[in-house]
Amino acid sequence: MSGATPTPAAPAAAPAVTPAVTIDRLILDIPGLTQTEAEAIAHEVGERLARAGISDAPPRIGITLGPIGGSRAQLAARIAAVLLERLV
């Protein structure tokens, strides 16, 4: 090479900072579920709420749903949807 100097790499863009809502406790009282199943649903509900990008929330939210059939994913989707209705 004839005296070429390497071009320094551009600095990486800083990751966007998004406001966070922390879920300290999520209680599910769903008859017929094992603890493992309830934990999996709670995790999925938390993931859905995180993807929704909520930036502010009241300190406590309570919901009551009627009988729900379907898969674990459908149950988590319904719980998350009802919670989001209260948050928006």
C-alpha atoms as a PDB file:
ATOM      1  CA  MET A   1       0.000   0.000   0.000  1.00  0.00           C
ATOM      2  CA  SER A   2       1.247   3.421  -0.776  1.00  0.00           C
ATOM      3  CA  GLY A   3       1.124   5.299   2.492  1.00  0.00           C
ATOM      4  CA  ALA A   4      -2.615   4.797   3.047  1.00  0.00           C
ATOM      5  CA  THR A   5      -3.661   5.306   6.620  1.00  0.00           C
ATOM      6  CA  PRO A   6      -6.512   3.275   8.022  1.00  0.00           C
ATOM      7  CA  THR A   7      -9.715   5.209   8.555  1.00  0.00           C
ATOM      8  CA  PRO A   8     -10.817   5.032  12.174  1.00  0.00           C
ATOM      9  CA  ALA A   9     -14.137   3.319  12.682  1.00  0.00           C
ATOM     10  CA  ALA A  10     -17.025   5.589  13.541  1.00  0.00           C
ATOM     11  CA  PRO A  11     -18.057   5.315  17.181  1.00  0.00           C
ATOM     12  CA  ALA A  12     -21.007   3.044  17.764  1.00  0.00           C
ATOM     13  CA  ALA A  13     -24.285   4.832  18.327  1.00  0.00           C
ATOM     14  CA  ALA A  14     -25.379   4.800  21.928  1.00  0.00           C
ATOM     15  CA  PRO A  15     -28.300   2.459  22.549  1.00  0.00           C
ATOM     16  CA  ALA A  16     -31.617   4.210  22.906  1.00  0.00           C
ATOM     17  CA  VAL A  17     -32.682   4.569  26.503  1.00  0.00           C
ATOM     18  CA  THR A  18     -36.283   3.625  27.031  1.00  0.00           C
ATOM     19  CA  PRO A  19     -38.250   4.314  30.170  1.00  0.00           C
ATOM     20  CA  ALA A  20     -38.863   1.231  32.248  1.00  0.00           C
ATOM     21  CA  VAL A  21     -41.730  -0.031  34.310  1.00  0.00           C
ATOM     22  CA  THR A  22     -40.759  -2.551  36.935  1.00  0.00           C
ATOM     23  CA  ILE A  23     -43.059  -5.371  37.915  1.00  0.00           C
ATOM     24  CA  ASP A  24     -42.164  -6.172  41.491  1.00  0.00           C
ATOM     25  CA  ARG A  25     -44.854  -8.766  41.940  1.00  0.00           C
ATOM     26  CA  LEU A  26     -47.298 -10.455  39.613  1.00  0.00           C
ATOM     27  CA  ILE A  27     -49.813 -12.694  41.338  1.00  0.00           C
ATOM     28  CA  LEU A  28     -51.923 -15.108  39.310  1.00  0.00           C
ATOM     29  CA  ASP A  29     -54.729 -16.942  41.037  1.00  0.00           C
ATOM     30  CA  ILE A  30     -55.716 -19.417  38.361  1.00  0.00           C
ATOM     31  CA  PRO A  31     -57.237 -22.664  39.630  1.00  0.00           C
ATOM     32  CA  GLY A  32     -55.845 -25.822  38.086  1.00  0.00           C
ATOM     33  CA  LEU A  33     -52.387 -24.521  37.194  1.00  0.00           C
ATOM     34  CA  THR A  34     -49.214 -25.895  38.667  1.00  0.00           C
ATOM     35  CA  GLN A  35     -46.669 -23.450  40.039  1.00  0.00           C
ATOM     36  CA  THR A  36     -44.492 -24.054  36.972  1.00  0.00           C
ATOM     37  CA  GLU A  37     -47.375 -23.290  34.593  1.00  0.00           C
ATOM     38  CA  ALA A  38     -48.295 -20.117  36.518  1.00  0.00           C
ATOM     39  CA  GLU A  39     -44.660 -18.953  36.477  1.00  0.00           C
ATOM     40  CA  ALA A  40     -44.461 -19.531  32.722  1.00  0.00           C
ATOM     41  CA  ILE A  41     -47.638 -17.510  32.152  1.00  0.00           C
ATOM     42  CA  ALA A  42     -46.408 -14.726  34.446  1.00  0.00           C
ATOM     43  CA  HIS A  43     -43.131 -14.594  32.521  1.00  0.00           C
ATOM     44  CA  GLU A  44     -44.964 -14.405  29.206  1.00  0.00           C
ATOM     45  CA  VAL A  45     -47.280 -11.660  30.510  1.00  0.00           C
ATOM     46  CA  GLY A  46     -44.218  -9.700  31.641  1.00  0.00           C
ATOM     47  CA  GLU A  47     -42.593 -10.118  28.225  1.00  0.00           C
ATOM     48  CA  ARG A  48     -45.739  -8.892  26.464  1.00  0.00           C
ATOM     49  CA  LEU A  49     -45.963  -5.851  28.733  1.00  0.00           C
ATOM     50  CA  ALA A  50     -42.282  -5.098  28.147  1.00  0.00           C
ATOM     51  CA  ARG A  51     -42.751  -5.207  24.366  1.00  0.00           C
ATOM     52  CA  ALA A  52     -45.661  -2.774  24.680  1.00  0.00           C
ATOM     53  CA  GLY A  53     -43.249  -0.070  25.838  1.00  0.00           C
ATOM     54  CA  ILE A  54     -45.211   1.173  28.830  1.00  0.00           C
ATOM     55  CA  SER A  55     -43.409   4.139  30.390  1.00  0.00           C
ATOM     56  CA  ASP A  56     -45.674   4.930  33.332  1.00  0.00           C
ATOM     57  CA  ALA A  57     -47.966   2.817  35.459  1.00  0.00           C
ATOM     58  CA  PRO A  58     -49.959   3.095  38.653  1.00  0.00           C
ATOM     59  CA  PRO A  59     -48.456   1.387  41.692  1.00  0.00           C
ATOM     60  CA  ARG A  60     -51.041  -1.386  41.710  1.00  0.00           C
ATOM     61  CA  ILE A  61     -53.391  -2.903  39.162  1.00  0.00           C
ATOM     62  CA  GLY A  62     -55.908  -5.641  39.842  1.00  0.00           C
ATOM     63  CA  ILE A  63     -57.956  -7.466  37.238  1.00  0.00           C
ATOM     64  CA  THR A  64     -60.478 -10.270  37.314  1.00  0.00           C
ATOM     65  CA  LEU A  65     -61.155 -12.371  34.251  1.00  0.00           C
ATOM     66  CA  GLY A  66     -63.932 -14.848  33.695  1.00  0.00           C
ATOM     67  CA  PRO A  67     -63.328 -18.425  32.563  1.00  0.00           C
ATOM     68  CA  ILE A  68     -60.626 -18.652  29.945  1.00  0.00           C
ATOM     69  CA  GLY A  69     -59.935 -21.535  27.629  1.00  0.00           C
ATOM     70  CA  GLY A  70     -57.116 -22.000  25.191  1.00  0.00           C
ATOM     71  CA  SER A  71     -53.383 -22.275  25.318  1.00  0.00           C
ATOM     72  CA  ARG A  72     -50.937 -20.728  27.753  1.00  0.00           C
ATOM     73  CA  ALA A  73     -49.996 -18.150  25.103  1.00  0.00           C
ATOM     74  CA  GLN A  74     -53.661 -17.197  24.627  1.00  0.00           C
ATOM     75  CA  LEU A  75     -54.121 -16.819  28.378  1.00  0.00           C
ATOM     76  CA  ALA A  76     -50.996 -14.655  28.663  1.00  0.00           C
ATOM     77  CA  ALA A  77     -52.172 -12.552  25.722  1.00  0.00           C
ATOM     78  CA  ARG A  78     -55.562 -11.966  27.336  1.00  0.00           C
ATOM     79  CA  ILE A  79     -54.076 -11.052  30.709  1.00  0.00           C
ATOM     80  CA  ALA A  80     -51.578  -8.670  29.093  1.00  0.00           C
ATOM     81  CA  ALA A  81     -54.317  -7.082  26.955  1.00  0.00           C
ATOM     82  CA  VAL A  82     -56.521  -6.385  29.965  1.00  0.00           C
ATOM     83  CA  LEU A  83     -53.569  -4.941  31.900  1.00  0.00           C
ATOM     84  CA  LEU A  84     -52.647  -2.741  28.942  1.00  0.00           C
ATOM     85  CA  GLU A  85     -56.221  -1.450  28.741  1.00  0.00           C
ATOM     86  CA  ARG A  86     -55.819  -0.224  32.312  1.00  0.00           C
ATOM     87  CA  LEU A  87     -52.461   1.378  31.537  1.00  0.00           C
ATOM     88  CA  VAL A  88     -53.379   3.278  28.399  1.00  0.00           C
END
